[in-house]
Amino acid sequence: MGDETNRTAFMELQGRMIETTGKLKQVVTQMRGKEGEKKRAFLTLEELNQLPHDANTYKTIGKLFVLEPKSVLVNEQEQKLKDSESAISSLQV
């Protein structure tokens, strides 16, 4: 009888471990994705900041390019950067 309870407890712990490992892998994958988004936003911001203020800048929407003021694109990239940083910090908790 003692062996049976140990066996069921072991199987229960093993199931929890598999579930927790799966969740951990999912969080790590999400963090990698957010790190990539953060890096792309940072690099885009660096490139945008090198352009003169009156330069024509375009935003892609699918296969379409739309003329947008530089300030709008900079604000969007800054927001993406902040969102990625907050998502990463929330995933680390």
C-alpha atoms as a PDB file:
ATOM      1  CA  MET A   1       0.000   0.000   0.000  1.00  0.00           C
ATOM      2  CA  GLY A   2       2.873   2.378   0.742  1.00  0.00           C
ATOM      3  CA  ASP A   3       4.403   1.663  -2.660  1.00  0.00           C
ATOM      4  CA  GLU A   4       1.126   2.499  -4.355  1.00  0.00           C
ATOM      5  CA  THR A   5       0.839   5.904  -2.657  1.00  0.00           C
ATOM      6  CA  ASN A   6       4.477   6.689  -3.476  1.00  0.00           C
ATOM      7  CA  ARG A   7       3.863   5.676  -7.076  1.00  0.00           C
ATOM      8  CA  THR A   8       0.779   7.884  -7.436  1.00  0.00           C
ATOM      9  CA  ALA A   9       2.566  10.805  -5.767  1.00  0.00           C
ATOM     10  CA  PHE A  10       5.518  10.332  -8.110  1.00  0.00           C
ATOM     11  CA  MET A  11       3.265  10.238 -11.168  1.00  0.00           C
ATOM     12  CA  GLU A  12       1.465  13.368  -9.979  1.00  0.00           C
ATOM     13  CA  LEU A  13       4.761  15.210  -9.476  1.00  0.00           C
ATOM     14  CA  GLN A  14       5.997  14.020 -12.848  1.00  0.00           C
ATOM     15  CA  GLY A  15       2.844  15.383 -14.507  1.00  0.00           C
ATOM     16  CA  ARG A  16       3.297  18.736 -12.789  1.00  0.00           C
ATOM     17  CA  MET A  17       6.932  18.861 -13.874  1.00  0.00           C
ATOM     18  CA  ILE A  18       5.996  18.218 -17.518  1.00  0.00           C
ATOM     19  CA  GLU A  19       3.312  20.914 -17.349  1.00  0.00           C
ATOM     20  CA  THR A  20       5.678  23.417 -15.718  1.00  0.00           C
ATOM     21  CA  THR A  21       8.431  22.676 -18.226  1.00  0.00           C
ATOM     22  CA  GLY A  22       6.001  23.316 -21.082  1.00  0.00           C
ATOM     23  CA  LYS A  23       4.948  26.645 -19.570  1.00  0.00           C
ATOM     24  CA  LEU A  24       8.592  27.621 -19.058  1.00  0.00           C
ATOM     25  CA  LYS A  25       9.405  26.897 -22.700  1.00  0.00           C
ATOM     26  CA  GLN A  26       6.416  28.978 -23.763  1.00  0.00           C
ATOM     27  CA  VAL A  27       7.562  31.947 -21.643  1.00  0.00           C
ATOM     28  CA  VAL A  28      11.126  31.669 -22.966  1.00  0.00           C
ATOM     29  CA  THR A  29       9.806  31.681 -26.536  1.00  0.00           C
ATOM     30  CA  GLN A  30       7.661  34.741 -25.812  1.00  0.00           C
ATOM     31  CA  MET A  31      10.651  36.519 -24.265  1.00  0.00           C
ATOM     32  CA  ARG A  32      12.784  35.792 -27.335  1.00  0.00           C
ATOM     33  CA  GLY A  33      10.063  37.210 -29.567  1.00  0.00           C
ATOM     34  CA  LYS A  34       9.773  40.353 -27.476  1.00  0.00           C
ATOM     35  CA  GLU A  35      13.562  40.748 -27.418  1.00  0.00           C
ATOM     36  CA  GLY A  36      13.540  40.605 -31.216  1.00  0.00           C
ATOM     37  CA  GLU A  37      10.770  43.207 -31.397  1.00  0.00           C
ATOM     38  CA  LYS A  38      12.694  45.426 -28.994  1.00  0.00           C
ATOM     39  CA  LYS A  39      15.885  45.141 -31.018  1.00  0.00           C
ATOM     40  CA  ARG A  40      14.094  45.900 -34.318  1.00  0.00           C
ATOM     41  CA  ALA A  41      12.396  48.947 -32.785  1.00  0.00           C
ATOM     42  CA  PHE A  42      15.707  50.183 -31.369  1.00  0.00           C
ATOM     43  CA  LEU A  43      17.543  49.765 -34.681  1.00  0.00           C
ATOM     44  CA  THR A  44      14.713  51.447 -36.587  1.00  0.00           C
ATOM     45  CA  LEU A  45      14.786  54.361 -34.153  1.00  0.00           C
ATOM     46  CA  GLU A  46      18.534  54.722 -34.651  1.00  0.00           C
ATOM     47  CA  GLU A  47      18.077  54.872 -38.418  1.00  0.00           C
ATOM     48  CA  LEU A  48      15.166  57.309 -38.194  1.00  0.00           C
ATOM     49  CA  ASN A  49      17.137  59.636 -35.918  1.00  0.00           C
ATOM     50  CA  GLN A  50      19.891  59.872 -38.549  1.00  0.00           C
ATOM     51  CA  LEU A  51      17.445  61.256 -41.127  1.00  0.00           C
ATOM     52  CA  PRO A  52      16.809  64.986 -41.486  1.00  0.00           C
ATOM     53  CA  HIS A  53      13.487  66.221 -40.081  1.00  0.00           C
ATOM     54  CA  ASP A  54      12.109  67.077 -43.508  1.00  0.00           C
ATOM     55  CA  ALA A  55      12.946  63.692 -45.078  1.00  0.00           C
ATOM     56  CA  ASN A  56      10.121  61.711 -46.690  1.00  0.00           C
ATOM     57  CA  THR A  57       9.428  58.652 -44.557  1.00  0.00           C
ATOM     58  CA  TYR A  58       7.082  55.821 -45.409  1.00  0.00           C
ATOM     59  CA  LYS A  59       5.174  53.316 -43.340  1.00  0.00           C
ATOM     60  CA  THR A  60       4.385  49.880 -44.712  1.00  0.00           C
ATOM     61  CA  ILE A  61       0.848  48.578 -44.530  1.00  0.00           C
ATOM     62  CA  GLY A  62       0.921  45.142 -46.067  1.00  0.00           C
ATOM     63  CA  LYS A  63       2.341  45.699 -49.564  1.00  0.00           C
ATOM     64  CA  LEU A  64       1.461  49.395 -49.513  1.00  0.00           C
ATOM     65  CA  PHE A  65       3.799  52.245 -48.572  1.00  0.00           C
ATOM     66  CA  VAL A  66       2.148  55.299 -47.023  1.00  0.00           C
ATOM     67  CA  LEU A  67       3.877  58.663 -46.619  1.00  0.00           C
ATOM     68  CA  GLU A  68       4.053  59.527 -42.901  1.00  0.00           C
ATOM     69  CA  PRO A  69       5.821  62.344 -41.054  1.00  0.00           C
ATOM     70  CA  LYS A  70       9.043  61.293 -39.377  1.00  0.00           C
ATOM     71  CA  SER A  71       7.675  62.249 -35.950  1.00  0.00           C
ATOM     72  CA  VAL A  72       4.799  59.751 -36.296  1.00  0.00           C
ATOM     73  CA  LEU A  73       7.171  56.907 -37.163  1.00  0.00           C
ATOM     74  CA  VAL A  74       9.521  57.823 -34.309  1.00  0.00           C
ATOM     75  CA  ASN A  75       6.618  57.864 -31.835  1.00  0.00           C
ATOM     76  CA  GLU A  76       5.410  54.454 -33.067  1.00  0.00           C
ATOM     77  CA  GLN A  77       8.872  52.921 -32.693  1.00  0.00           C
ATOM     78  CA  GLU A  78       9.325  54.421 -29.224  1.00  0.00           C
ATOM     79  CA  GLN A  79       5.973  52.964 -28.198  1.00  0.00           C
ATOM     80  CA  LYS A  80       6.935  49.539 -29.580  1.00  0.00           C
ATOM     81  CA  LEU A  81      10.190  49.725 -27.632  1.00  0.00           C
ATOM     82  CA  LYS A  82       8.371  50.599 -24.388  1.00  0.00           C
ATOM     83  CA  ASP A  83       5.740  47.892 -24.940  1.00  0.00           C
ATOM     84  CA  SER A  84       8.401  45.263 -25.561  1.00  0.00           C
ATOM     85  CA  GLU A  85      10.343  46.277 -22.454  1.00  0.00           C
ATOM     86  CA  SER A  86       7.226  46.126 -20.275  1.00  0.00           C
ATOM     87  CA  ALA A  87       6.234  42.747 -21.733  1.00  0.00           C
ATOM     88  CA  ILE A  88       9.710  41.363 -21.074  1.00  0.00           C
ATOM     89  CA  SER A  89       9.696  42.625 -17.486  1.00  0.00           C
ATOM     90  CA  SER A  90       6.251  41.133 -16.864  1.00  0.00           C
ATOM     91  CA  LEU A  91       7.397  37.768 -18.262  1.00  0.00           C
ATOM     92  CA  GLN A  92      10.450  37.750 -15.995  1.00  0.00           C
ATOM     93  CA  VAL A  93       8.341  37.992 -12.850  1.00  0.00           C
END
